[in-house]
Amino acid sequence: MLNTTNKKMAVVLLVISIIYLIVSFRLPSYAYVPVDSDMVPIALGVLLFFLSIALYFIKDEKSEEKVKLPKEDLLAILIVIGFIVTYIFLLEIIGFILITALFIFFCSWFLGFKKFITNLIVSIVLPFAIYYMFIALQIQLPQGILPF
């Protein structure tokens, strides 16, 4: 039954999606809002549920081959996970705009994008655009140390 990696991962993801959906349905609902706060988590949980079922039935053509992950790639993955954990930890303290700009800049630089000016422009413009898009949707993001 679970003889391929795809099937094993599909079962794990299916269990995760069921737990995620249970927690998502427990989110409180708010009156007088057109889209409730649980809509996106429920939609993501349903999507994960159906994609995990689809993954179970996809034929794994490379199941006989063992995939070797080079140590350099494993180190890069661990460093990016470190960036993400640092981002999550500092989001409330520093604020969305600053920590997102720093995250985009250093993560893309670490992953090999060496055009400094382009990287700097994108890492500054993108957080501001996202921040003001959320303000237009009347959703507050952590402002942190910035006065706006």
N, C-alpha and C. Protein backbone atom coordinates (compact mmCIF):
# COMPACT_ATOMS: atom_id res chain seq x y z
N MET A 1 0.81 -1.19 0.00
CA MET A 1 0.00 0.00 0.00
C MET A 1 0.86 1.26 0.00
N LEU A 2 1.88 1.33 0.85
CA LEU A 2 2.74 2.51 0.92
C LEU A 2 4.13 2.16 0.42
N ASN A 3 4.21 1.65 -0.79
CA ASN A 3 5.49 1.17 -1.29
C ASN A 3 6.30 2.23 -2.02
N THR A 4 5.76 3.43 -2.25
CA THR A 4 6.53 4.48 -2.91
C THR A 4 6.59 5.71 -2.02
N THR A 5 7.53 6.56 -2.33
CA THR A 5 7.69 7.80 -1.57
C THR A 5 6.48 8.71 -1.74
N ASN A 6 5.94 8.75 -2.96
CA ASN A 6 4.76 9.58 -3.19
C ASN A 6 3.60 9.17 -2.30
N LYS A 7 3.38 7.88 -2.17
CA LYS A 7 2.27 7.41 -1.35
C LYS A 7 2.50 7.70 0.13
N LYS A 8 3.72 7.54 0.58
CA LYS A 8 4.02 7.84 1.98
C LYS A 8 3.82 9.32 2.28
N MET A 9 4.33 10.17 1.39
CA MET A 9 4.17 11.61 1.58
C MET A 9 2.71 12.02 1.46
N ALA A 10 1.96 11.37 0.58
CA ALA A 10 0.55 11.68 0.41
C ALA A 10 -0.23 11.40 1.69
N VAL A 11 0.08 10.30 2.35
CA VAL A 11 -0.61 9.97 3.60
C VAL A 11 -0.25 10.98 4.69
N VAL A 12 1.02 11.35 4.78
CA VAL A 12 1.44 12.35 5.77
C VAL A 12 0.75 13.68 5.50
N LEU A 13 0.73 14.11 4.25
CA LEU A 13 0.08 15.38 3.91
C LEU A 13 -1.43 15.31 4.12
N LEU A 14 -2.03 14.17 3.90
CA LEU A 14 -3.46 14.01 4.13
C LEU A 14 -3.78 14.18 5.61
N VAL A 15 -2.98 13.58 6.47
CA VAL A 15 -3.19 13.72 7.91
C VAL A 15 -2.99 15.17 8.34
N ILE A 16 -1.95 15.81 7.81
CA ILE A 16 -1.70 17.23 8.12
C ILE A 16 -2.87 18.08 7.65
N SER A 17 -3.40 17.81 6.46
CA SER A 17 -4.52 18.62 5.95
C SER A 17 -5.77 18.42 6.80
N ILE A 18 -6.01 17.22 7.29
CA ILE A 18 -7.19 16.99 8.13
C ILE A 18 -7.05 17.73 9.46
N ILE A 19 -5.88 17.67 10.07
CA ILE A 19 -5.65 18.40 11.32
C ILE A 19 -5.77 19.90 11.08
N TYR A 20 -5.20 20.38 9.98
CA TYR A 20 -5.26 21.79 9.62
C TYR A 20 -6.70 22.24 9.40
N LEU A 21 -7.50 21.41 8.74
CA LEU A 21 -8.91 21.75 8.51
C LEU A 21 -9.69 21.78 9.82
N ILE A 22 -9.42 20.86 10.72
CA ILE A 22 -10.10 20.86 12.02
C ILE A 22 -9.80 22.16 12.76
N VAL A 23 -8.53 22.54 12.79
CA VAL A 23 -8.15 23.78 13.46
C VAL A 23 -8.74 24.99 12.74
N SER A 24 -8.78 24.97 11.41
CA SER A 24 -9.32 26.10 10.65
C SER A 24 -10.81 26.29 10.90
N PHE A 25 -11.54 25.20 11.03
CA PHE A 25 -12.98 25.32 11.29
C PHE A 25 -13.26 25.82 12.70
N ARG A 26 -12.28 25.76 13.58
CA ARG A 26 -12.44 26.26 14.95
C ARG A 26 -12.13 27.75 15.08
N LEU A 27 -11.65 28.40 14.03
CA LEU A 27 -11.38 29.83 14.09
C LEU A 27 -12.67 30.59 14.35
N PRO A 28 -12.60 31.65 15.15
CA PRO A 28 -13.83 32.39 15.44
C PRO A 28 -14.33 33.15 14.21
N SER A 29 -15.63 33.26 14.10
CA SER A 29 -16.20 34.04 13.00
C SER A 29 -16.57 35.42 13.52
N TYR A 30 -16.56 36.38 12.62
CA TYR A 30 -16.83 37.76 12.98
C TYR A 30 -18.07 38.24 12.24
N ALA A 31 -18.83 39.04 12.93
CA ALA A 31 -20.03 39.59 12.31
C ALA A 31 -19.66 40.80 11.47
N TYR A 32 -20.47 41.05 10.47
CA TYR A 32 -20.36 42.25 9.64
C TYR A 32 -19.10 42.31 8.78
N VAL A 33 -18.54 41.19 8.43
CA VAL A 33 -17.41 41.18 7.51
C VAL A 33 -17.81 40.36 6.28
N PRO A 34 -17.47 40.86 5.09
CA PRO A 34 -17.87 40.13 3.88
C PRO A 34 -17.11 38.81 3.71
N VAL A 35 -15.84 38.79 4.08
CA VAL A 35 -15.04 37.57 4.00
C VAL A 35 -14.49 37.32 5.39
N ASP A 36 -14.85 36.16 5.93
CA ASP A 36 -14.44 35.87 7.30
C ASP A 36 -12.98 35.44 7.36
N SER A 37 -12.43 35.45 8.55
CA SER A 37 -11.00 35.17 8.72
C SER A 37 -10.66 33.71 8.48
N ASP A 38 -11.65 32.85 8.46
CA ASP A 38 -11.36 31.43 8.26
C ASP A 38 -11.45 30.98 6.81
N MET A 39 -11.77 31.88 5.90
CA MET A 39 -11.95 31.49 4.50
C MET A 39 -10.65 30.99 3.86
N VAL A 40 -9.58 31.76 4.00
CA VAL A 40 -8.31 31.38 3.37
C VAL A 40 -7.73 30.11 4.00
N PRO A 41 -7.69 29.97 5.34
CA PRO A 41 -7.17 28.72 5.89
C PRO A 41 -8.00 27.50 5.48
N ILE A 42 -9.30 27.63 5.43
CA ILE A 42 -10.13 26.50 5.02
C ILE A 42 -9.88 26.16 3.56
N ALA A 43 -9.78 27.18 2.72
CA ALA A 43 -9.51 26.93 1.30
C ALA A 43 -8.15 26.25 1.11
N LEU A 44 -7.14 26.69 1.84
CA LEU A 44 -5.82 26.06 1.75
C LEU A 44 -5.85 24.63 2.27
N GLY A 45 -6.61 24.38 3.33
CA GLY A 45 -6.72 23.03 3.86
C GLY A 45 -7.41 22.09 2.89
N VAL A 46 -8.47 22.57 2.25
CA VAL A 46 -9.18 21.75 1.26
C VAL A 46 -8.27 21.48 0.06
N LEU A 47 -7.53 22.50 -0.37
CA LEU A 47 -6.60 22.33 -1.49
C LEU A 47 -5.52 21.29 -1.14
N LEU A 48 -4.96 21.38 0.05
CA LEU A 48 -3.96 20.40 0.48
C LEU A 48 -4.56 19.00 0.56
N PHE A 49 -5.79 18.90 1.02
CA PHE A 49 -6.47 17.62 1.12
C PHE A 49 -6.58 16.96 -0.25
N PHE A 50 -7.09 17.71 -1.24
CA PHE A 50 -7.28 17.13 -2.58
C PHE A 50 -5.95 16.88 -3.30
N LEU A 51 -4.97 17.75 -3.09
CA LEU A 51 -3.67 17.52 -3.72
C LEU A 51 -2.96 16.32 -3.12
N SER A 52 -3.15 16.06 -1.84
CA SER A 52 -2.53 14.88 -1.25
C SER A 52 -3.18 13.60 -1.76
N ILE A 53 -4.48 13.65 -2.01
CA ILE A 53 -5.15 12.50 -2.61
C ILE A 53 -4.63 12.29 -4.04
N ALA A 54 -4.47 13.37 -4.78
CA ALA A 54 -3.95 13.25 -6.14
C ALA A 54 -2.52 12.71 -6.13
N LEU A 55 -1.71 13.15 -5.17
CA LEU A 55 -0.33 12.66 -5.06
C LEU A 55 -0.29 11.16 -4.79
N TYR A 56 -1.24 10.66 -4.05
CA TYR A 56 -1.27 9.23 -3.75
C TYR A 56 -1.42 8.40 -5.02
N PHE A 57 -2.19 8.90 -5.98
CA PHE A 57 -2.47 8.13 -7.18
C PHE A 57 -1.52 8.41 -8.35
N ILE A 58 -0.61 9.35 -8.18
CA ILE A 58 0.37 9.63 -9.23
C ILE A 58 1.42 8.52 -9.21
N LYS A 59 1.75 8.03 -10.39
CA LYS A 59 2.74 6.96 -10.48
C LYS A 59 4.13 7.54 -10.26
N ASP A 60 4.87 6.92 -9.38
CA ASP A 60 6.24 7.34 -9.06
C ASP A 60 7.19 6.55 -9.94
N GLU A 61 7.70 7.20 -10.98
CA GLU A 61 8.55 6.50 -11.95
C GLU A 61 9.97 6.31 -11.46
N LYS A 62 10.41 7.09 -10.52
CA LYS A 62 11.79 7.02 -10.05
C LYS A 62 11.87 6.44 -8.65
N SER A 63 10.94 5.57 -8.31
CA SER A 63 10.91 5.06 -6.94
C SER A 63 12.07 4.13 -6.63
N GLU A 64 12.67 3.53 -7.64
CA GLU A 64 13.79 2.62 -7.40
C GLU A 64 15.08 3.37 -7.10
N GLU A 65 15.21 4.57 -7.62
CA GLU A 65 16.43 5.34 -7.44
C GLU A 65 16.40 6.06 -6.10
N LYS A 66 17.50 6.01 -5.40
CA LYS A 66 17.62 6.79 -4.17
C LYS A 66 18.12 8.18 -4.52
N VAL A 67 17.46 9.17 -4.00
CA VAL A 67 17.82 10.55 -4.27
C VAL A 67 18.84 10.98 -3.22
N LYS A 68 19.98 11.41 -3.69
CA LYS A 68 21.03 11.89 -2.80
C LYS A 68 21.03 13.41 -2.82
N LEU A 69 20.94 14.00 -1.66
CA LEU A 69 20.99 15.44 -1.53
C LEU A 69 22.40 15.84 -1.15
N PRO A 70 23.07 16.64 -2.00
CA PRO A 70 24.43 17.06 -1.66
C PRO A 70 24.45 17.85 -0.35
N LYS A 71 25.56 17.74 0.36
CA LYS A 71 25.68 18.42 1.64
C LYS A 71 25.60 19.94 1.50
N GLU A 72 26.08 20.48 0.37
CA GLU A 72 25.99 21.92 0.16
C GLU A 72 24.54 22.36 0.05
N ASP A 73 23.73 21.55 -0.64
CA ASP A 73 22.31 21.89 -0.77
C ASP A 73 21.59 21.77 0.57
N LEU A 74 21.95 20.77 1.35
CA LEU A 74 21.34 20.61 2.67
C LEU A 74 21.68 21.79 3.56
N LEU A 75 22.92 22.24 3.50
CA LEU A 75 23.33 23.41 4.27
C LEU A 75 22.56 24.65 3.82
N ALA A 76 22.39 24.82 2.51
CA ALA A 76 21.63 25.96 2.00
C ALA A 76 20.18 25.92 2.47
N ILE A 77 19.58 24.74 2.46
CA ILE A 77 18.20 24.59 2.93
C ILE A 77 18.10 24.96 4.41
N LEU A 78 19.05 24.51 5.20
CA LEU A 78 19.02 24.82 6.63
C LEU A 78 19.22 26.30 6.89
N ILE A 79 20.06 26.95 6.10
CA ILE A 79 20.27 28.40 6.28
C ILE A 79 19.01 29.17 5.89
N VAL A 80 18.34 28.77 4.81
CA VAL A 80 17.09 29.44 4.42
C VAL A 80 16.01 29.21 5.48
N ILE A 81 15.95 28.03 6.06
CA ILE A 81 15.02 27.78 7.16
C ILE A 81 15.36 28.69 8.34
N GLY A 82 16.64 28.90 8.58
CA GLY A 82 17.06 29.84 9.61
C GLY A 82 16.61 31.26 9.31
N PHE A 83 16.71 31.67 8.04
CA PHE A 83 16.20 32.99 7.63
C PHE A 83 14.71 33.10 7.92
N ILE A 84 13.96 32.05 7.60
CA ILE A 84 12.51 32.06 7.80
C ILE A 84 12.15 32.14 9.28
N VAL A 85 12.84 31.35 10.11
CA VAL A 85 12.57 31.38 11.54
C VAL A 85 12.91 32.75 12.12
N THR A 86 14.02 33.33 11.69
CA THR A 86 14.39 34.68 12.13
C THR A 86 13.34 35.69 11.69
N TYR A 87 12.86 35.57 10.46
CA TYR A 87 11.81 36.45 9.95
C TYR A 87 10.56 36.37 10.82
N ILE A 88 10.14 35.16 11.14
CA ILE A 88 8.94 34.97 11.96
C ILE A 88 9.15 35.57 13.35
N PHE A 89 10.33 35.34 13.93
CA PHE A 89 10.61 35.83 15.28
C PHE A 89 10.65 37.35 15.34
N LEU A 90 11.21 37.99 14.32
CA LEU A 90 11.39 39.45 14.35
C LEU A 90 10.26 40.24 13.69
N LEU A 91 9.26 39.57 13.15
CA LEU A 91 8.18 40.26 12.43
C LEU A 91 7.45 41.24 13.33
N GLU A 92 7.05 40.84 14.51
CA GLU A 92 6.33 41.73 15.43
C GLU A 92 7.24 42.81 16.00
N ILE A 93 8.51 42.47 16.22
CA ILE A 93 9.43 43.40 16.87
C ILE A 93 9.87 44.51 15.92
N ILE A 94 10.36 44.14 14.76
CA ILE A 94 10.90 45.11 13.81
C ILE A 94 9.82 45.68 12.91
N GLY A 95 8.84 44.88 12.56
CA GLY A 95 7.76 45.34 11.69
C GLY A 95 7.84 44.70 10.32
N PHE A 96 6.70 44.67 9.65
CA PHE A 96 6.58 43.97 8.38
C PHE A 96 7.50 44.54 7.31
N ILE A 97 7.50 45.84 7.12
CA ILE A 97 8.25 46.43 6.00
C ILE A 97 9.75 46.18 6.15
N LEU A 98 10.31 46.49 7.30
CA LEU A 98 11.75 46.35 7.46
C LEU A 98 12.21 44.90 7.41
N ILE A 99 11.54 44.02 8.16
CA ILE A 99 12.01 42.64 8.20
C ILE A 99 11.77 41.94 6.87
N THR A 100 10.71 42.29 6.15
CA THR A 100 10.47 41.69 4.84
C THR A 100 11.52 42.17 3.84
N ALA A 101 11.86 43.44 3.89
CA ALA A 101 12.91 43.95 3.00
C ALA A 101 14.24 43.26 3.27
N LEU A 102 14.58 43.12 4.54
CA LEU A 102 15.83 42.43 4.89
C LEU A 102 15.79 40.96 4.49
N PHE A 103 14.66 40.31 4.71
CA PHE A 103 14.52 38.90 4.35
C PHE A 103 14.67 38.70 2.85
N ILE A 104 13.97 39.50 2.07
CA ILE A 104 14.04 39.35 0.61
C ILE A 104 15.46 39.61 0.12
N PHE A 105 16.08 40.67 0.63
CA PHE A 105 17.42 41.02 0.17
C PHE A 105 18.43 39.93 0.50
N PHE A 106 18.51 39.53 1.77
CA PHE A 106 19.55 38.58 2.17
C PHE A 106 19.27 37.17 1.67
N CYS A 107 18.01 36.78 1.63
CA CYS A 107 17.69 35.43 1.15
C CYS A 107 17.98 35.31 -0.35
N SER A 108 17.58 36.29 -1.13
CA SER A 108 17.87 36.22 -2.57
C SER A 108 19.36 36.36 -2.84
N TRP A 109 20.07 37.18 -2.06
CA TRP A 109 21.52 37.30 -2.22
C TRP A 109 22.19 35.96 -1.87
N PHE A 110 21.76 35.33 -0.79
CA PHE A 110 22.33 34.05 -0.39
C PHE A 110 22.07 32.97 -1.43
N LEU A 111 20.90 33.00 -2.05
CA LEU A 111 20.55 31.98 -3.03
C LEU A 111 21.14 32.23 -4.41
N GLY A 112 21.92 33.30 -4.57
CA GLY A 112 22.69 33.46 -5.79
C GLY A 112 22.37 34.64 -6.67
N PHE A 113 21.41 35.49 -6.27
CA PHE A 113 21.10 36.66 -7.08
C PHE A 113 22.08 37.76 -6.72
N LYS A 114 23.01 38.08 -7.61
CA LYS A 114 24.12 38.96 -7.28
C LYS A 114 23.96 40.40 -7.79
N LYS A 115 22.88 40.72 -8.47
CA LYS A 115 22.67 42.09 -8.94
C LYS A 115 22.20 42.94 -7.76
N PHE A 116 23.13 43.68 -7.18
CA PHE A 116 22.89 44.39 -5.94
C PHE A 116 21.78 45.43 -6.06
N ILE A 117 21.84 46.28 -7.07
CA ILE A 117 20.86 47.37 -7.21
C ILE A 117 19.46 46.82 -7.45
N THR A 118 19.34 45.85 -8.34
CA THR A 118 18.03 45.24 -8.61
C THR A 118 17.48 44.57 -7.36
N ASN A 119 18.32 43.86 -6.67
CA ASN A 119 17.91 43.19 -5.44
C ASN A 119 17.46 44.21 -4.40
N LEU A 120 18.18 45.30 -4.27
CA LEU A 120 17.85 46.34 -3.31
C LEU A 120 16.51 47.00 -3.65
N ILE A 121 16.30 47.31 -4.93
CA ILE A 121 15.04 47.94 -5.35
C ILE A 121 13.85 47.02 -5.08
N VAL A 122 13.98 45.77 -5.47
CA VAL A 122 12.88 44.81 -5.27
C VAL A 122 12.61 44.61 -3.79
N SER A 123 13.68 44.48 -3.00
CA SER A 123 13.49 44.22 -1.58
C SER A 123 12.92 45.42 -0.83
N ILE A 124 12.97 46.61 -1.41
CA ILE A 124 12.35 47.78 -0.79
C ILE A 124 10.94 48.02 -1.33
N VAL A 125 10.77 47.93 -2.63
CA VAL A 125 9.47 48.23 -3.25
C VAL A 125 8.42 47.18 -2.91
N LEU A 126 8.77 45.91 -2.94
CA LEU A 126 7.81 44.84 -2.72
C LEU A 126 7.15 44.90 -1.33
N PRO A 127 7.90 45.05 -0.23
CA PRO A 127 7.23 45.14 1.07
C PRO A 127 6.30 46.36 1.19
N PHE A 128 6.72 47.50 0.62
CA PHE A 128 5.84 48.67 0.65
C PHE A 128 4.56 48.41 -0.15
N ALA A 129 4.68 47.81 -1.31
CA ALA A 129 3.50 47.52 -2.13
C ALA A 129 2.56 46.56 -1.40
N ILE A 130 3.11 45.53 -0.81
CA ILE A 130 2.27 44.57 -0.08
C ILE A 130 1.65 45.24 1.14
N TYR A 131 2.42 46.05 1.85
CA TYR A 131 1.92 46.72 3.05
C TYR A 131 0.73 47.62 2.70
N TYR A 132 0.87 48.43 1.66
CA TYR A 132 -0.21 49.35 1.31
C TYR A 132 -1.39 48.63 0.65
N MET A 133 -1.15 47.50 0.05
CA MET A 133 -2.26 46.70 -0.47
C MET A 133 -3.08 46.15 0.71
N PHE A 134 -2.40 45.72 1.76
CA PHE A 134 -3.11 45.23 2.94
C PHE A 134 -3.83 46.38 3.65
N ILE A 135 -3.23 47.56 3.68
CA ILE A 135 -3.89 48.73 4.27
C ILE A 135 -5.16 49.05 3.49
N ALA A 136 -5.10 48.96 2.16
CA ALA A 136 -6.29 49.20 1.34
C ALA A 136 -7.38 48.17 1.62
N LEU A 137 -6.98 46.96 1.96
CA LEU A 137 -7.94 45.91 2.31
C LEU A 137 -8.36 45.97 3.78
N GLN A 138 -7.88 46.99 4.49
CA GLN A 138 -8.15 47.21 5.91
C GLN A 138 -7.66 46.06 6.78
N ILE A 139 -6.48 45.55 6.45
CA ILE A 139 -5.83 44.50 7.23
C ILE A 139 -4.54 45.10 7.77
N GLN A 140 -4.38 45.05 9.07
CA GLN A 140 -3.21 45.62 9.70
C GLN A 140 -2.07 44.61 9.76
N LEU A 141 -0.90 45.05 9.32
CA LEU A 141 0.33 44.27 9.45
C LEU A 141 1.18 44.90 10.55
N PRO A 142 2.06 44.15 11.18
CA PRO A 142 2.88 44.72 12.26
C PRO A 142 3.73 45.88 11.74
N GLN A 143 3.60 47.04 12.39
CA GLN A 143 4.37 48.21 11.96
C GLN A 143 5.74 48.25 12.61
N GLY A 144 5.88 47.63 13.75
CA GLY A 144 7.20 47.57 14.39
C GLY A 144 7.73 48.93 14.79
N ILE A 145 8.97 49.21 14.42
CA ILE A 145 9.62 50.44 14.84
C ILE A 145 9.34 51.61 13.91
N LEU A 146 8.70 51.36 12.78
CA LEU A 146 8.37 52.46 11.87
C LEU A 146 7.13 53.19 12.37
N PRO A 147 7.05 54.51 12.16
CA PRO A 147 5.92 55.27 12.70
C PRO A 147 4.64 55.17 11.88
N PHE A 148 4.61 54.44 10.78
CA PHE A 148 3.37 54.38 9.98
C PHE A 148 2.89 52.97 9.82
